[in-house]
C-alpha atoms as a PDB file:
ATOM      1  CA  MET A   1     -85.670  -0.844  55.288  1.00  0.00           C
ATOM      2  CA  SER A   2     -87.607   2.258  56.218  1.00  0.00           C
ATOM      3  CA  LEU A   3     -85.871   4.560  59.450  1.00  0.00           C
ATOM      4  CA  THR A   4     -87.310   6.002  62.190  1.00  0.00           C
ATOM      5  CA  TYR A   5     -86.178   8.732  64.854  1.00  0.00           C
ATOM      6  CA  ARG A   6     -85.257   6.277  67.117  1.00  0.00           C
ATOM      7  CA  ALA A   7     -82.884   4.297  64.128  1.00  0.00           C
ATOM      8  CA  ALA A   8     -81.528   8.203  64.117  1.00  0.00           C
ATOM      9  CA  GLY A   9     -80.347   7.959  66.999  1.00  0.00           C
ATOM     10  CA  VAL A  10     -83.237   9.860  69.237  1.00  0.00           C
ATOM     11  CA  ASP A  11     -85.388   8.196  71.613  1.00  0.00           C
ATOM     12  CA  ILE A  12     -88.290  10.321  72.603  1.00  0.00           C
ATOM     13  CA  SER A  13     -89.153   8.214  75.448  1.00  0.00           C
ATOM     14  CA  ARG A  14     -85.615   8.796  77.307  1.00  0.00           C
ATOM     15  CA  ALA A  15     -86.687  12.255  77.652  1.00  0.00           C
ATOM     16  CA  GLU A  16     -89.844  11.427  79.068  1.00  0.00           C
ATOM     17  CA  ASP A  17     -88.358   9.013  81.504  1.00  0.00           C
ATOM     18  CA  ALA A  18     -85.991  11.418  82.407  1.00  0.00           C
ATOM     19  CA  LEU A  19     -88.072  14.108  83.435  1.00  0.00           C
ATOM     20  CA  ALA A  20     -90.368  11.824  85.016  1.00  0.00           C
ATOM     21  CA  ARG A  21     -87.334  11.145  87.773  1.00  0.00           C
ATOM     22  CA  VAL A  22     -87.325  14.783  88.968  1.00  0.00           C
ATOM     23  CA  ARG A  23     -90.805  16.006  88.590  1.00  0.00           C
ATOM     24  CA  ASP A  24     -91.602  16.025  92.020  1.00  0.00           C
ATOM     25  CA  ARG A  25     -88.619  17.937  93.018  1.00  0.00           C
ATOM     26  CA  ILE A  26     -89.308  20.561  90.143  1.00  0.00           C
ATOM     27  CA  LYS A  27     -93.025  20.687  92.058  1.00  0.00           C
ATOM     28  CA  LYS A  28     -91.288  22.075  94.952  1.00  0.00           C
ATOM     29  CA  THR A  29     -90.136  25.258  93.049  1.00  0.00           C
ATOM     30  CA  LYS A  30     -93.645  26.365  92.495  1.00  0.00           C
ATOM     31  CA  ARG A  31     -93.870  30.098  93.236  1.00  0.00           C
ATOM     32  CA  PRO A  32     -98.228  31.335  93.265  1.00  0.00           C
ATOM     33  CA  GLU A  33     -97.390  33.186  90.132  1.00  0.00           C
ATOM     34  CA  VAL A  34     -97.068  29.923  88.455  1.00  0.00           C
ATOM     35  CA  ILE A  35    -100.174  29.026  86.154  1.00  0.00           C
ATOM     36  CA  GLY A  36    -100.344  25.546  84.090  1.00  0.00           C
ATOM     37  CA  GLU A  37     -97.757  22.523  84.858  1.00  0.00           C
ATOM     38  CA  ILE A  38     -94.455  21.405  83.908  1.00  0.00           C
ATOM     39  CA  GLY A  39     -94.972  20.098  79.979  1.00  0.00           C
ATOM     40  CA  GLN A  40     -96.483  22.817  78.017  1.00  0.00           C
ATOM     41  CA  PHE A  41     -95.146  24.863  75.377  1.00  0.00           C
ATOM     42  CA  GLY A  42     -94.528  27.743  77.260  1.00  0.00           C
ATOM     43  CA  GLY A  43     -94.086  28.401  81.696  1.00  0.00           C
ATOM     44  CA  LEU A  44     -96.624  31.034  82.854  1.00  0.00           C
ATOM     45  CA  PHE A  45     -96.115  33.450  85.463  1.00  0.00           C
ATOM     46  CA  ALA A  46     -98.101  36.126  86.436  1.00  0.00           C
ATOM     47  CA  SER A  47     -96.321  39.587  85.796  1.00  0.00           C
ATOM     48  CA  PRO A  48     -94.677  41.057  88.920  1.00  0.00           C
ATOM     49  CA  GLY A  49     -96.444  44.156  88.170  1.00  0.00           C
ATOM     50  CA  ALA A  50     -96.332  47.630  86.277  1.00  0.00           C
ATOM     51  CA  ASP A  51     -94.078  49.490  89.490  1.00  0.00           C
ATOM     52  CA  ARG A  52     -91.700  46.385  88.840  1.00  0.00           C
ATOM     53  CA  VAL A  53     -88.765  45.790  86.172  1.00  0.00           C
ATOM     54  CA  LEU A  54     -88.040  41.975  85.219  1.00  0.00           C
ATOM     55  CA  VAL A  55     -84.127  41.430  84.910  1.00  0.00           C
ATOM     56  CA  ALA A  56     -83.121  38.685  82.601  1.00  0.00           C
ATOM     57  CA  THR A  57     -80.101  36.810  82.354  1.00  0.00           C
ATOM     58  CA  THR A  58     -78.639  34.042  80.882  1.00  0.00           C
ATOM     59  CA  ASP A  59     -75.371  31.554  81.483  1.00  0.00           C
ATOM     60  CA  GLY A  60     -73.597  28.209  81.042  1.00  0.00           C
ATOM     61  CA  VAL A  61     -71.018  26.055  83.857  1.00  0.00           C
ATOM     62  CA  GLY A  62     -68.172  25.990  80.348  1.00  0.00           C
ATOM     63  CA  THR A  63     -65.596  23.827  80.836  1.00  0.00           C
ATOM     64  CA  LYS A  64     -66.114  22.795  84.261  1.00  0.00           C
ATOM     65  CA  LEU A  65     -68.573  19.987  82.300  1.00  0.00           C
ATOM     66  CA  GLU A  66     -65.345  18.304  81.382  1.00  0.00           C
ATOM     67  CA  LEU A  67     -64.775  17.752  85.015  1.00  0.00           C
ATOM     68  CA  ALA A  68     -67.896  17.064  86.210  1.00  0.00           C
ATOM     69  CA  GLY A  69     -68.366  14.570  83.756  1.00  0.00           C
ATOM     70  CA  LEU A  70     -64.545  12.936  84.172  1.00  0.00           C
ATOM     71  CA  LEU A  71     -65.290  12.668  88.011  1.00  0.00           C
ATOM     72  CA  ASP A  72     -69.012  11.452  87.996  1.00  0.00           C
ATOM     73  CA  ARG A  73     -69.993  14.773  89.965  1.00  0.00           C
ATOM     74  CA  HIS A  74     -73.328  16.112  87.711  1.00  0.00           C
ATOM     75  CA  GLU A  75     -74.719  17.635  90.416  1.00  0.00           C
ATOM     76  CA  VAL A  76     -72.316  20.678  91.105  1.00  0.00           C
ATOM     77  CA  VAL A  77     -72.604  21.753  87.629  1.00  0.00           C
ATOM     78  CA  GLY A  78     -76.723  21.849  88.002  1.00  0.00           C
ATOM     79  CA  THR A  79     -76.444  24.134  91.159  1.00  0.00           C
ATOM     80  CA  ASP A  80     -73.834  26.203  89.489  1.00  0.00           C
ATOM     81  CA  LEU A  81     -75.868  26.825  86.907  1.00  0.00           C
ATOM     82  CA  VAL A  82     -78.409  28.386  88.916  1.00  0.00           C
ATOM     83  CA  ASN A  83     -76.432  30.448  91.489  1.00  0.00           C
ATOM     84  CA  HIS A  84     -74.594  32.014  88.816  1.00  0.00           C
ATOM     85  CA  CYS A  85     -77.518  33.121  87.039  1.00  0.00           C
ATOM     86  CA  VAL A  86     -78.923  34.203  90.506  1.00  0.00           C
ATOM     87  CA  ASN A  87     -76.149  36.024  91.475  1.00  0.00           C
ATOM     88  CA  ASP A  88     -76.082  37.871  87.882  1.00  0.00           C
ATOM     89  CA  ALA A  89     -79.859  39.331  88.409  1.00  0.00           C
ATOM     90  CA  LEU A  90     -79.376  40.446  91.985  1.00  0.00           C
ATOM     91  CA  ALA A  91     -76.223  42.230  90.718  1.00  0.00           C
ATOM     92  CA  MET A  92     -78.486  44.567  89.099  1.00  0.00           C
ATOM     93  CA  GLY A  93     -80.562  44.459  92.401  1.00  0.00           C
ATOM     94  CA  ALA A  94     -83.468  41.971  91.373  1.00  0.00           C
ATOM     95  CA  GLU A  95     -85.279  38.976  93.408  1.00  0.00           C
ATOM     96  CA  PRO A  96     -85.068  35.756  91.373  1.00  0.00           C
ATOM     97  CA  LEU A  97     -88.715  34.551  89.962  1.00  0.00           C
ATOM     98  CA  PHE A  98     -88.173  31.885  87.424  1.00  0.00           C
ATOM     99  CA  PHE A  99     -85.732  29.689  85.979  1.00  0.00           C
ATOM    100  CA  LEU A 100     -85.733  27.825  82.408  1.00  0.00           C
ATOM    101  CA  ASP A 101     -82.487  25.130  81.633  1.00  0.00           C
ATOM    102  CA  TYR A 102     -81.497  23.833  78.402  1.00  0.00           C
ATOM    103  CA  PHE A 103     -79.589  20.318  78.113  1.00  0.00           C
ATOM    104  CA  ALA A 104     -78.606  19.016  75.131  1.00  0.00           C
ATOM    105  CA  THR A 105     -77.028  15.705  74.728  1.00  0.00           C
ATOM    106  CA  SER A 106     -75.972  12.910  72.056  1.00  0.00           C
ATOM    107  CA  GLU A 107     -77.819  10.486  73.889  1.00  0.00           C
ATOM    108  CA  ILE A 108     -80.038  11.090  76.933  1.00  0.00           C
ATOM    109  CA  ASP A 109     -78.622   9.120  80.396  1.00  0.00           C
ATOM    110  CA  PRO A 110     -82.060   9.449  82.322  1.00  0.00           C
ATOM    111  CA  GLY A 111     -79.657   8.881  85.634  1.00  0.00           C
ATOM    112  CA  VAL A 112     -77.582  11.457  84.651  1.00  0.00           C
ATOM    113  CA  PHE A 113     -80.055  13.967  83.910  1.00  0.00           C
ATOM    114  CA  ALA A 114     -81.761  13.646  87.101  1.00  0.00           C
ATOM    115  CA  ARG A 115     -78.839  14.241  89.043  1.00  0.00           C
ATOM    116  CA  VAL A 116     -78.611  18.045  87.250  1.00  0.00           C
ATOM    117  CA  VAL A 117     -81.830  18.820  86.907  1.00  0.00           C
ATOM    118  CA  GLY A 118     -82.523  17.831  89.917  1.00  0.00           C
ATOM    119  CA  ALA A 119     -79.871  19.609  91.608  1.00  0.00           C
ATOM    120  CA  MET A 120     -81.186  22.786  89.131  1.00  0.00           C
ATOM    121  CA  ALA A 121     -84.361  22.613  90.996  1.00  0.00           C
ATOM    122  CA  ASP A 122     -82.895  22.003  94.677  1.00  0.00           C
ATOM    123  CA  ALA A 123     -81.027  25.498  94.034  1.00  0.00           C
ATOM    124  CA  CYS A 124     -84.059  26.977  92.269  1.00  0.00           C
ATOM    125  CA  ALA A 125     -85.847  26.116  95.431  1.00  0.00           C
ATOM    126  CA  ARG A 126     -82.954  27.219  97.857  1.00  0.00           C
ATOM    127  CA  SER A 127     -83.010  30.769  96.367  1.00  0.00           C
ATOM    128  CA  GLY A 128     -87.029  30.929  95.908  1.00  0.00           C
ATOM    129  CA  ALA A 129     -87.425  30.714  92.350  1.00  0.00           C
ATOM    130  CA  ALA A 130     -89.909  28.688  90.290  1.00  0.00           C
ATOM    131  CA  LEU A 131     -87.983  26.288  87.509  1.00  0.00           C
ATOM    132  CA  LEU A 132     -90.698  26.970  84.927  1.00  0.00           C
ATOM    133  CA  GLY A 133     -89.692  24.899  82.402  1.00  0.00           C
ATOM    134  CA  GLY A 134     -87.174  24.044  79.948  1.00  0.00           C
ATOM    135  CA  GLU A 135     -85.238  21.985  76.526  1.00  0.00           C
ATOM    136  CA  THR A 136     -84.331  18.323  76.602  1.00  0.00           C
ATOM    137  CA  ALA A 137     -82.124  18.080  73.675  1.00  0.00           C
ATOM    138  CA  GLU A 138     -81.368  14.726  71.798  1.00  0.00           C
ATOM    139  CA  MET A 139     -78.491  15.383  69.030  1.00  0.00           C
ATOM    140  CA  PRO A 140     -76.749  12.515  68.202  1.00  0.00           C
ATOM    141  CA  GLY A 141     -73.261  13.596  66.072  1.00  0.00           C
ATOM    142  CA  MET A 142     -73.575  16.983  67.847  1.00  0.00           C
ATOM    143  CA  TYR A 143     -71.929  15.772  70.905  1.00  0.00           C
ATOM    144  CA  ALA A 144     -69.384  12.901  71.872  1.00  0.00           C
ATOM    145  CA  PRO A 145     -71.271  10.339  73.498  1.00  0.00           C
ATOM    146  CA  GLY A 146     -71.583  10.416  76.951  1.00  0.00           C
ATOM    147  CA  THR A 147     -71.161  14.601  76.975  1.00  0.00           C
ATOM    148  CA  TYR A 148     -73.462  16.657  77.591  1.00  0.00           C
ATOM    149  CA  ASP A 149     -74.257  20.936  77.307  1.00  0.00           C
ATOM    150  CA  LEU A 150     -76.107  23.047  79.651  1.00  0.00           C
ATOM    151  CA  ALA A 151     -77.529  26.838  79.716  1.00  0.00           C
ATOM    152  CA  GLY A 152     -79.719  28.265  82.108  1.00  0.00           C
ATOM    153  CA  PHE A 153     -82.006  31.494  82.032  1.00  0.00           C
ATOM    154  CA  LEU A 154     -83.739  33.183  84.683  1.00  0.00           C
ATOM    155  CA  VAL A 155     -86.062  35.784  85.036  1.00  0.00           C
ATOM    156  CA  GLY A 156     -85.931  38.573  88.370  1.00  0.00           C
ATOM    157  CA  ALA A 157     -87.697  41.575  89.020  1.00  0.00           C
ATOM    158  CA  ALA A 158     -86.654  44.634  91.030  1.00  0.00           C
ATOM    159  CA  GLY A 159     -88.540  47.896  91.858  1.00  0.00           C
ATOM    160  CA  ARG A 160     -88.048  50.770  89.333  1.00  0.00           C
ATOM    161  CA  ASP A 161     -85.992  52.681  92.093  1.00  0.00           C
ATOM    162  CA  GLU A 162     -84.506  49.473  93.029  1.00  0.00           C
ATOM    163  CA  LEU A 163     -82.538  48.755  90.018  1.00  0.00           C
ATOM    164  CA  LEU A 164     -78.688  48.839  90.965  1.00  0.00           C
ATOM    165  CA  GLY A 165     -75.708  49.905  88.923  1.00  0.00           C
ATOM    166  CA  PRO A 166     -72.587  52.414  87.667  1.00  0.00           C
ATOM    167  CA  ALA A 167     -75.019  55.784  88.175  1.00  0.00           C
ATOM    168  CA  ARG A 168     -75.026  55.166  91.792  1.00  0.00           C
ATOM    169  CA  VAL A 169     -71.699  54.965  92.349  1.00  0.00           C
ATOM    170  CA  ARG A 170     -69.858  58.121  93.810  1.00  0.00           C
ATOM    171  CA  GLU A 171     -65.808  58.451  93.940  1.00  0.00           C
ATOM    172  CA  GLY A 172     -64.781  57.469  98.159  1.00  0.00           C
ATOM    173  CA  ASP A 173     -67.840  54.944  97.993  1.00  0.00           C
ATOM    174  CA  VAL A 174     -66.266  51.347  99.900  1.00  0.00           C
ATOM    175  CA  LEU A 175     -65.646  48.651  98.170  1.00  0.00           C
ATOM    176  CA  VAL A 176     -67.083  45.167 100.490  1.00  0.00           C
ATOM    177  CA  GLY A 177     -66.160  41.660  99.580  1.00  0.00           C
ATOM    178  CA  LEU A 178     -67.414  38.035  99.853  1.00  0.00           C
ATOM    179  CA  ALA A 179     -65.650  35.009  99.608  1.00  0.00           C
ATOM    180  CA  SER A 180     -65.950  32.587  96.857  1.00  0.00           C
ATOM    181  CA  THR A 181     -65.768  28.936  96.859  1.00  0.00           C
ATOM    182  CA  GLY A 182     -62.988  28.524  94.453  1.00  0.00           C
ATOM    183  CA  LEU A 183     -63.192  28.707  90.452  1.00  0.00           C
ATOM    184  CA  HIS A 184     -67.045  28.831  90.639  1.00  0.00           C
ATOM    185  CA  THR A 185     -67.545  28.211  87.115  1.00  0.00           C
ATOM    186  CA  ASN A 186     -65.096  30.278  84.722  1.00  0.00           C
ATOM    187  CA  GLY A 187     -61.779  30.264  84.253  1.00  0.00           C
ATOM    188  CA  TYR A 188     -61.860  25.839  83.981  1.00  0.00           C
ATOM    189  CA  SER A 189     -60.351  26.057  80.074  1.00  0.00           C
ATOM    190  CA  LEU A 190     -57.199  27.107  81.882  1.00  0.00           C
ATOM    191  CA  ALA A 191     -57.147  25.080  84.728  1.00  0.00           C
ATOM    192  CA  ARG A 192     -57.571  22.113  82.671  1.00  0.00           C
ATOM    193  CA  LYS A 193     -54.828  22.962  80.142  1.00  0.00           C
ATOM    194  CA  ILE A 194     -52.641  23.439  83.240  1.00  0.00           C
ATOM    195  CA  LEU A 195     -53.097  20.620  85.175  1.00  0.00           C
ATOM    196  CA  SER A 196     -53.027  18.102  81.470  1.00  0.00           C
ATOM    197  CA  ARG A 197     -49.766  19.350  81.410  1.00  0.00           C
ATOM    198  CA  ALA A 198     -48.785  18.962  84.738  1.00  0.00           C
ATOM    199  CA  ALA A 199     -50.085  15.519  84.462  1.00  0.00           C
ATOM    200  CA  GLY A 200     -48.472  14.401  81.495  1.00  0.00           C
ATOM    201  CA  SER A 201     -45.065  15.554  82.434  1.00  0.00           C
ATOM    202  CA  GLU A 202     -45.451  13.219  85.600  1.00  0.00           C
ATOM    203  CA  GLY A 203     -46.544  10.416  83.259  1.00  0.00           C
ATOM    204  CA  ARG A 204     -49.831  10.315  84.643  1.00  0.00           C
ATOM    205  CA  SER A 205     -53.809  10.417  83.952  1.00  0.00           C
ATOM    206  CA  LEU A 206     -55.524  13.463  84.424  1.00  0.00           C
ATOM    207  CA  SER A 207     -57.900  11.928  86.589  1.00  0.00           C
ATOM    208  CA  ASP A 208     -55.378  10.441  88.786  1.00  0.00           C
ATOM    209  CA  LEU A 209     -54.105  13.941  89.268  1.00  0.00           C
ATOM    210  CA  LEU A 210     -57.379  15.192  90.209  1.00  0.00           C
ATOM    211  CA  ALA A 211     -57.687  12.195  92.334  1.00  0.00           C
ATOM    212  CA  GLU A 212     -54.343  12.972  94.710  1.00  0.00           C
ATOM    213  CA  GLN A 213     -55.413  14.405  97.968  1.00  0.00           C
ATOM    214  CA  ARG A 214     -52.784  16.861  99.128  1.00  0.00           C
ATOM    215  CA  ARG A 215     -52.680  18.659 102.472  1.00  0.00           C
ATOM    216  CA  ASP A 216     -51.999  22.109 101.224  1.00  0.00           C
ATOM    217  CA  LEU A 217     -55.812  21.803  99.963  1.00  0.00           C
ATOM    218  CA  ASP A 218     -57.366  20.623 103.732  1.00  0.00           C
ATOM    219  CA  ASP A 219     -56.844  17.179 102.824  1.00  0.00           C
ATOM    220  CA  ARG A 220     -59.494  17.252  99.764  1.00  0.00           C
ATOM    221  CA  THR A 221     -58.213  16.575  95.926  1.00  0.00           C
ATOM    222  CA  ILE A 222     -57.649  18.838  93.687  1.00  0.00           C
ATOM    223  CA  GLY A 223     -60.472  17.321  91.705  1.00  0.00           C
ATOM    224  CA  ASP A 224     -62.741  18.526  95.147  1.00  0.00           C
ATOM    225  CA  ALA A 225     -61.793  21.841  95.231  1.00  0.00           C
ATOM    226  CA  LEU A 226     -62.129  22.446  91.611  1.00  0.00           C
ATOM    227  CA  LEU A 227     -65.485  20.781  91.695  1.00  0.00           C
ATOM    228  CA  ALA A 228     -66.681  22.854  94.579  1.00  0.00           C
ATOM    229  CA  ALA A 229     -70.185  24.915  93.862  1.00  0.00           C
ATOM    230  CA  HIS A 230     -70.434  28.155  92.421  1.00  0.00           C
ATOM    231  CA  ARG A 231     -72.071  30.000  95.605  1.00  0.00           C
ATOM    232  CA  SER A 232     -75.116  32.037  95.344  1.00  0.00           C
ATOM    233  CA  TYR A 233     -74.870  34.995  97.786  1.00  0.00           C
ATOM    234  CA  LEU A 234     -78.570  36.067  97.641  1.00  0.00           C
ATOM    235  CA  SER A 235     -79.047  35.446 101.235  1.00  0.00           C
ATOM    236  CA  GLU A 236     -76.150  38.255 101.746  1.00  0.00           C
ATOM    237  CA  PHE A 237     -77.373  40.441  99.299  1.00  0.00           C
ATOM    238  CA  ARG A 238     -80.669  40.740 101.073  1.00  0.00           C
ATOM    239  CA  ALA A 239     -78.861  41.498 104.423  1.00  0.00           C
ATOM    240  CA  LEU A 240     -76.960  44.459 103.464  1.00  0.00           C
ATOM    241  CA  ARG A 241     -80.164  45.550 101.075  1.00  0.00           C
ATOM    242  CA  GLU A 242     -81.830  45.676 104.854  1.00  0.00           C
ATOM    243  CA  ALA A 243     -79.163  47.440 106.146  1.00  0.00           C
ATOM    244  CA  THR A 244     -77.147  49.698 103.727  1.00  0.00           C
ATOM    245  CA  GLY A 245     -77.842  51.535 100.647  1.00  0.00           C
ATOM    246  CA  ILE A 246     -76.017  49.312  97.744  1.00  0.00           C
ATOM    247  CA  HIS A 247     -75.039  51.606  95.018  1.00  0.00           C
ATOM    248  CA  ALA A 248     -73.944  48.694  92.411  1.00  0.00           C
ATOM    249  CA  ILE A 249     -72.590  44.838  92.467  1.00  0.00           C
ATOM    250  CA  ALA A 250     -70.035  43.217  90.667  1.00  0.00           C
ATOM    251  CA  HIS A 251     -70.128  39.244  89.983  1.00  0.00           C
ATOM    252  CA  LEU A 252     -66.492  38.653  89.256  1.00  0.00           C
ATOM    253  CA  THR A 253     -67.381  35.741  86.780  1.00  0.00           C
ATOM    254  CA  GLY A 254     -65.044  35.728  83.694  1.00  0.00           C
ATOM    255  CA  GLY A 255     -62.749  38.369  83.194  1.00  0.00           C
ATOM    256  CA  GLY A 256     -61.862  38.060  86.164  1.00  0.00           C
ATOM    257  CA  TRP A 257     -61.435  41.391  88.073  1.00  0.00           C
ATOM    258  CA  GLU A 258     -60.829  43.956  85.151  1.00  0.00           C
ATOM    259  CA  GLY A 259     -63.108  41.961  83.540  1.00  0.00           C
ATOM    260  CA  ASN A 260     -65.942  42.343  85.942  1.00  0.00           C
ATOM    261  CA  LEU A 261     -65.500  45.255  88.887  1.00  0.00           C
ATOM    262  CA  PRO A 262     -65.383  48.126  86.214  1.00  0.00           C
ATOM    263  CA  ARG A 263     -68.808  47.262  84.822  1.00  0.00           C
ATOM    264  CA  ALA A 264     -70.225  48.308  88.173  1.00  0.00           C
ATOM    265  CA  LEU A 265     -68.645  51.606  88.268  1.00  0.00           C
ATOM    266  CA  PRO A 266     -69.023  55.031  85.616  1.00  0.00           C
ATOM    267  CA  ASP A 267     -66.854  55.570  83.262  1.00  0.00           C
ATOM    268  CA  ASP A 268     -64.826  58.507  84.921  1.00  0.00           C
ATOM    269  CA  LEU A 269     -63.962  55.927  87.784  1.00  0.00           C
ATOM    270  CA  GLY A 270     -61.792  52.986  89.194  1.00  0.00           C
ATOM    271  CA  ALA A 271     -60.995  50.938  92.243  1.00  0.00           C
ATOM    272  CA  GLU A 272     -58.365  50.790  94.058  1.00  0.00           C
ATOM    273  CA  VAL A 273     -58.227  47.215  95.791  1.00  0.00           C
ATOM    274  CA  ASP A 274     -55.921  46.528  98.947  1.00  0.00           C
ATOM    275  CA  ARG A 275     -54.763  42.532  98.392  1.00  0.00           C
ATOM    276  CA  ALA A 276     -53.511  42.199 102.479  1.00  0.00           C
ATOM    277  CA  THR A 277     -57.671  42.302 102.816  1.00  0.00           C
ATOM    278  CA  TRP A 278     -58.011  38.847 101.852  1.00  0.00           C
ATOM    279  CA  GLY A 279     -56.528  35.595 101.535  1.00  0.00           C
ATOM    280  CA  VAL A 280     -56.163  34.032  98.275  1.00  0.00           C
ATOM    281  CA  PRO A 281     -57.095  29.870  98.694  1.00  0.00           C
ATOM    282  CA  ARG A 282     -54.723  27.710  97.492  1.00  0.00           C
ATOM    283  CA  VAL A 283     -56.455  26.507  94.706  1.00  0.00           C
ATOM    284  CA  PHE A 284     -55.572  29.410  92.760  1.00  0.00           C
ATOM    285  CA  THR A 285     -51.874  29.777  93.841  1.00  0.00           C
ATOM    286  CA  LEU A 286     -51.615  25.832  92.930  1.00  0.00           C
ATOM    287  CA  LEU A 287     -52.345  26.580  89.680  1.00  0.00           C
ATOM    288  CA  ALA A 288     -50.489  29.435  88.840  1.00  0.00           C
ATOM    289  CA  GLU A 289     -47.650  27.650  90.206  1.00  0.00           C
ATOM    290  CA  LEU A 290     -48.056  24.118  88.625  1.00  0.00           C
ATOM    291  CA  GLY A 291     -48.989  26.354  85.294  1.00  0.00           C
ATOM    292  CA  ARG A 292     -46.268  29.121  85.829  1.00  0.00           C
ATOM    293  CA  VAL A 293     -48.908  31.308  84.982  1.00  0.00           C
ATOM    294  CA  ALA A 294     -48.254  35.556  85.779  1.00  0.00           C
ATOM    295  CA  GLU A 295     -49.916  36.835  88.879  1.00  0.00           C
ATOM    296  CA  SER A 296     -52.040  39.344  86.894  1.00  0.00           C
ATOM    297  CA  GLU A 297     -52.913  37.130  84.265  1.00  0.00           C
ATOM    298  CA  THR A 298     -54.398  34.732  87.295  1.00  0.00           C
ATOM    299  CA  TYR A 299     -56.595  37.776  87.901  1.00  0.00           C
ATOM    300  CA  ASP A 300     -57.577  38.588  84.882  1.00  0.00           C
ATOM    301  CA  VAL A 301     -58.807  35.133  84.861  1.00  0.00           C
ATOM    302  CA  TRP A 302     -60.166  33.548  88.077  1.00  0.00           C
ATOM    303  CA  ASN A 303     -61.875  35.347  91.089  1.00  0.00           C
ATOM    304  CA  MET A 304     -59.178  35.102  93.071  1.00  0.00           C
ATOM    305  CA  GLY A 305     -60.956  34.079  96.216  1.00  0.00           C
ATOM    306  CA  VAL A 306     -63.469  37.040  96.575  1.00  0.00           C
ATOM    307  CA  GLY A 307     -66.833  35.891  94.382  1.00  0.00           C
ATOM    308  CA  ILE A 308     -68.776  39.173  94.399  1.00  0.00           C
ATOM    309  CA  VAL A 309     -68.075  42.721  95.406  1.00  0.00           C
ATOM    310  CA  PHE A 310     -70.777  45.461  96.772  1.00  0.00           C
ATOM    311  CA  VAL A 311     -70.146  49.348  96.252  1.00  0.00           C
ATOM    312  CA  LEU A 312     -71.580  51.038  99.191  1.00  0.00           C
ATOM    313  CA  ALA A 313     -71.249  54.344 100.901  1.00  0.00           C
ATOM    314  CA  HIS A 314     -68.440  54.927 102.971  1.00  0.00           C
ATOM    315  CA  ASP A 315     -70.822  55.752 106.073  1.00  0.00           C
ATOM    316  CA  ASP A 316     -72.049  52.310 105.133  1.00  0.00           C
ATOM    317  CA  ILE A 317     -69.394  50.120 105.946  1.00  0.00           C
ATOM    318  CA  GLU A 318     -70.249  49.710 109.943  1.00  0.00           C
ATOM    319  CA  ALA A 319     -73.537  48.446 108.993  1.00  0.00           C
ATOM    320  CA  ALA A 320     -72.497  46.498 106.545  1.00  0.00           C
ATOM    321  CA  LEU A 321     -70.005  44.536 108.466  1.00  0.00           C
ATOM    322  CA  ALA A 322     -72.290  44.025 111.267  1.00  0.00           C
ATOM    323  CA  ALA A 323     -74.951  42.603 108.788  1.00  0.00           C
ATOM    324  CA  VAL A 324     -72.451  40.150 107.251  1.00  0.00           C
ATOM    325  CA  PRO A 325     -70.009  39.344 109.552  1.00  0.00           C
ATOM    326  CA  GLU A 326     -67.557  37.733 106.624  1.00  0.00           C
ATOM    327  CA  ALA A 327     -67.338  40.689 105.054  1.00  0.00           C
ATOM    328  CA  VAL A 328     -64.727  42.200 103.921  1.00  0.00           C
ATOM    329  CA  GLU A 329     -63.561  45.773 103.071  1.00  0.00           C
ATOM    330  CA  LEU A 330     -61.649  45.655 100.153  1.00  0.00           C
ATOM    331  CA  GLY A 331     -60.897  49.248  99.024  1.00  0.00           C
ATOM    332  CA  ARG A 332     -62.657  51.991  97.317  1.00  0.00           C
ATOM    333  CA  VAL A 333     -63.982  54.347  94.620  1.00  0.00           C
ATOM    334  CA  VAL A 334     -61.435  56.654  92.922  1.00  0.00           C
ATOM    335  CA  ARG A 335     -61.119  58.710  90.144  1.00  0.00           C
ATOM    336  CA  HIS A 336     -59.563  57.231  86.853  1.00  0.00           C
ATOM    337  CA  THR A 337     -56.734  58.689  84.932  1.00  0.00           C
ATOM    338  CA  GLY A 338     -56.358  56.081  82.344  1.00  0.00           C
ATOM    339  CA  GLY A 339     -54.994  52.495  81.746  1.00  0.00           C
ATOM    340  CA  ARG A 340     -56.472  49.660  83.582  1.00  0.00           C
ATOM    341  CA  ARG A 341     -59.409  50.543  85.833  1.00  0.00           C
ATOM    342  CA  VAL A 342     -58.914  48.176  88.614  1.00  0.00           C
ATOM    343  CA  ARG A 343     -55.663  49.159  90.769  1.00  0.00           C
ATOM    344  CA  PHE A 344     -54.025  46.855  93.188  1.00  0.00           C
ATOM    345  CA  THR A 345     -52.005  48.078  96.227  1.00  0.00           C
END
């Protein structure tokens, strides 16, 4: 008996069906610079010009995918993927131009694919990025049945004189933060380990624990708190850029505070952050209590309620708070004399 690709576990028609379900939503992301249609061997996008610098970012969603699958909340990870990449690009001072995705699974479920990629398309449309193309791969034997992996690639652009980074930062600059919506897309391996162990110690399944509605989470379930979408800060970035002279931006992702805020600072400078300036959301303290996680470890893993930090000249603080009223003055840039670069007070 001769073998076929379908007999080996790959059915090309499934990918075609899956893409057909989201094609109209993808079309809504089209920008004037897009040349051609989805389905070619490469996406075409007109050059933004010689005076513009392209900024490329890439990321994934990590093991938040496990929780999304367990609770049948696939849309959130599509949104997460785009917003994470948009935030990384704006941290360099760039506006998003276009996005590419990679979706890999054992066997494509067209319904799940449509929910994930459809949410990506909607997030792209909100940020003004074209969903220019992507890759959908069936790899039986590589992934467990019913699971999938995601990666995203975003390209943005900024004027050469608009690029942000450590070179602009000076001692005495002020740190302004914006709230996160939860864990965003980082630290889920620790969160899942904590919750799996807690569920096991109580003789419950992880699903049961995640479905538990809690008064201390504003009557949400633990699963709801963990699957809040990774927030995009694009509109706030635009408002602050209009009102102030942003020096640098730190997107607080994997590695928490110490792993990210110093990336926005020169080597000889550090950050002094007043933890009393914001309230840590209950989801973080709940995880820490259940897992007996040291406070220092929590700040090295999770964002602890602040998703992004803007570094501004001290004279710009009033304009910043007027432009984005929810912004919080967190601290200042100080001389670094050794040890950890982020010092909490």
